[in-house]
């Protein structure tokens, strides 16, 4: 299992079940594109540390997954003026 696969597996843990496959496929395509672009720049395959740097720039899996979750409010917009 590659670093990218493990990263995507961790992101999947925090996603709603209905949307997991679509979001993971989208993220996998984006990451693969970033890796290929970097490989083209360097003219060689990336080493594990370089792939790890790309994943770090994307963010922690829980943070990445939270971008796809609905926003939750402690006090909803309807009640906020009263609060």
C-alpha atoms as a PDB file:
ATOM      1  CA  UNK A   1       0.000   0.000   0.000  1.00  0.00           C
ATOM      2  CA  UNK A   2       1.415   3.377  -0.969  1.00  0.00           C
ATOM      3  CA  UNK A   3       1.483   6.565   1.081  1.00  0.00           C
ATOM      4  CA  UNK A   4      -1.273   8.012  -1.075  1.00  0.00           C
ATOM      5  CA  UNK A   5      -3.466   4.949  -0.522  1.00  0.00           C
ATOM      6  CA  UNK A   6      -2.994   5.140   3.246  1.00  0.00           C
ATOM      7  CA  UNK A   7      -3.713   8.879   3.204  1.00  0.00           C
ATOM      8  CA  UNK A   8      -6.932   8.372   1.232  1.00  0.00           C
ATOM      9  CA  UNK A   9      -7.953   5.528   3.525  1.00  0.00           C
ATOM     10  CA  UNK A  10      -7.579   7.852   6.525  1.00  0.00           C
ATOM     11  CA  UNK A  11      -9.597  10.601   4.835  1.00  0.00           C
ATOM     12  CA  UNK A  12     -12.341   8.051   4.086  1.00  0.00           C
ATOM     13  CA  UNK A  13     -12.770   7.349   7.823  1.00  0.00           C
ATOM     14  CA  UNK A  14     -14.125  10.874   8.403  1.00  0.00           C
ATOM     15  CA  UNK A  15     -16.461  11.104   5.397  1.00  0.00           C
ATOM     16  CA  UNK A  16     -20.188  10.335   5.214  1.00  0.00           C
ATOM     17  CA  UNK A  17     -20.718   6.840   3.770  1.00  0.00           C
ATOM     18  CA  UNK A  18     -22.869   8.004   0.852  1.00  0.00           C
ATOM     19  CA  UNK A  19     -20.214  10.362  -0.476  1.00  0.00           C
ATOM     20  CA  UNK A  20     -17.043   8.427   0.330  1.00  0.00           C
ATOM     21  CA  UNK A  21     -16.401   6.906  -3.088  1.00  0.00           C
ATOM     22  CA  UNK A  22     -16.994  10.111  -5.044  1.00  0.00           C
ATOM     23  CA  UNK A  23     -14.854  12.247  -2.759  1.00  0.00           C
ATOM     24  CA  UNK A  24     -12.027   9.718  -2.547  1.00  0.00           C
ATOM     25  CA  UNK A  25     -11.959   9.350  -6.341  1.00  0.00           C
ATOM     26  CA  UNK A  26     -11.809  13.125  -6.716  1.00  0.00           C
ATOM     27  CA  UNK A  27      -9.000  13.431  -4.150  1.00  0.00           C
ATOM     28  CA  UNK A  28      -7.088  10.526  -5.694  1.00  0.00           C
ATOM     29  CA  UNK A  29      -7.243  12.165  -9.125  1.00  0.00           C
ATOM     30  CA  UNK A  30      -6.071  15.483  -7.687  1.00  0.00           C
ATOM     31  CA  UNK A  31      -3.181  13.910  -5.793  1.00  0.00           C
ATOM     32  CA  UNK A  32      -2.144  11.839  -8.806  1.00  0.00           C
ATOM     33  CA  UNK A  33      -2.168  14.985 -10.927  1.00  0.00           C
ATOM     34  CA  UNK A  34       0.030  16.825  -8.423  1.00  0.00           C
ATOM     35  CA  UNK A  35       2.450  13.895  -8.302  1.00  0.00           C
ATOM     36  CA  UNK A  36       2.638  13.643 -12.091  1.00  0.00           C
ATOM     37  CA  UNK A  37       3.214  17.387 -12.435  1.00  0.00           C
ATOM     38  CA  UNK A  38       6.059  17.243  -9.943  1.00  0.00           C
ATOM     39  CA  UNK A  39       7.559  14.210 -11.685  1.00  0.00           C
ATOM     40  CA  UNK A  40       7.462  16.068 -14.991  1.00  0.00           C
ATOM     41  CA  UNK A  41       9.236  19.049 -13.416  1.00  0.00           C
ATOM     42  CA  UNK A  42      11.966  16.840 -11.983  1.00  0.00           C
ATOM     43  CA  UNK A  43      12.156  14.394 -14.879  1.00  0.00           C
ATOM     44  CA  UNK A  44      12.070  11.363 -12.564  1.00  0.00           C
ATOM     45  CA  UNK A  45       9.817   9.424 -10.219  1.00  0.00           C
ATOM     46  CA  UNK A  46       9.232  10.940  -6.812  1.00  0.00           C
ATOM     47  CA  UNK A  47      10.735   9.428  -3.708  1.00  0.00           C
ATOM     48  CA  UNK A  48       8.597   8.637  -0.662  1.00  0.00           C
ATOM     49  CA  UNK A  49       9.682  11.821   1.119  1.00  0.00           C
ATOM     50  CA  UNK A  50       8.622  13.960  -1.829  1.00  0.00           C
ATOM     51  CA  UNK A  51       5.215  12.281  -1.993  1.00  0.00           C
ATOM     52  CA  UNK A  52       4.920  12.791   1.751  1.00  0.00           C
ATOM     53  CA  UNK A  53       5.562  16.526   1.270  1.00  0.00           C
ATOM     54  CA  UNK A  54       2.692  16.739  -1.220  1.00  0.00           C
ATOM     55  CA  UNK A  55       0.375  14.982   1.235  1.00  0.00           C
ATOM     56  CA  UNK A  56       1.437  17.308   4.059  1.00  0.00           C
ATOM     57  CA  UNK A  57       0.578  20.325   1.938  1.00  0.00           C
ATOM     58  CA  UNK A  58      -2.897  18.903   1.362  1.00  0.00           C
ATOM     59  CA  UNK A  59      -3.485  18.774   5.112  1.00  0.00           C
ATOM     60  CA  UNK A  60      -4.359  16.291   7.793  1.00  0.00           C
ATOM     61  CA  UNK A  61      -6.956  13.713   6.720  1.00  0.00           C
ATOM     62  CA  UNK A  62      -9.533  14.934   9.250  1.00  0.00           C
ATOM     63  CA  UNK A  63      -9.164  18.516   8.008  1.00  0.00           C
ATOM     64  CA  UNK A  64      -9.432  17.466   4.368  1.00  0.00           C
ATOM     65  CA  UNK A  65     -12.564  15.439   5.127  1.00  0.00           C
ATOM     66  CA  UNK A  66     -14.122  18.301   7.086  1.00  0.00           C
ATOM     67  CA  UNK A  67     -14.132  20.426   3.928  1.00  0.00           C
ATOM     68  CA  UNK A  68     -16.705  18.042   2.482  1.00  0.00           C
ATOM     69  CA  UNK A  69     -18.938  17.822   5.559  1.00  0.00           C
ATOM     70  CA  UNK A  70     -21.981  20.028   6.067  1.00  0.00           C
ATOM     71  CA  UNK A  71     -21.374  22.971   8.343  1.00  0.00           C
ATOM     72  CA  UNK A  72     -22.777  22.492  11.802  1.00  0.00           C
ATOM     73  CA  UNK A  73     -23.720  25.304  14.128  1.00  0.00           C
ATOM     74  CA  UNK A  74     -23.847  25.271  17.870  1.00  0.00           C
ATOM     75  CA  UNK A  75     -26.527  27.946  17.654  1.00  0.00           C
ATOM     76  CA  UNK A  76     -28.329  27.947  14.310  1.00  0.00           C
ATOM     77  CA  UNK A  77     -28.784  31.036  12.154  1.00  0.00           C
ATOM     78  CA  UNK A  78     -32.473  31.223  13.043  1.00  0.00           C
ATOM     79  CA  UNK A  79     -31.825  31.523  16.788  1.00  0.00           C
ATOM     80  CA  UNK A  80     -28.608  33.531  16.677  1.00  0.00           C
ATOM     81  CA  UNK A  81     -30.272  36.986  16.690  1.00  0.00           C
ATOM     82  CA  UNK A  82     -32.216  36.036  19.825  1.00  0.00           C
ATOM     83  CA  UNK A  83     -29.117  34.656  21.483  1.00  0.00           C
END
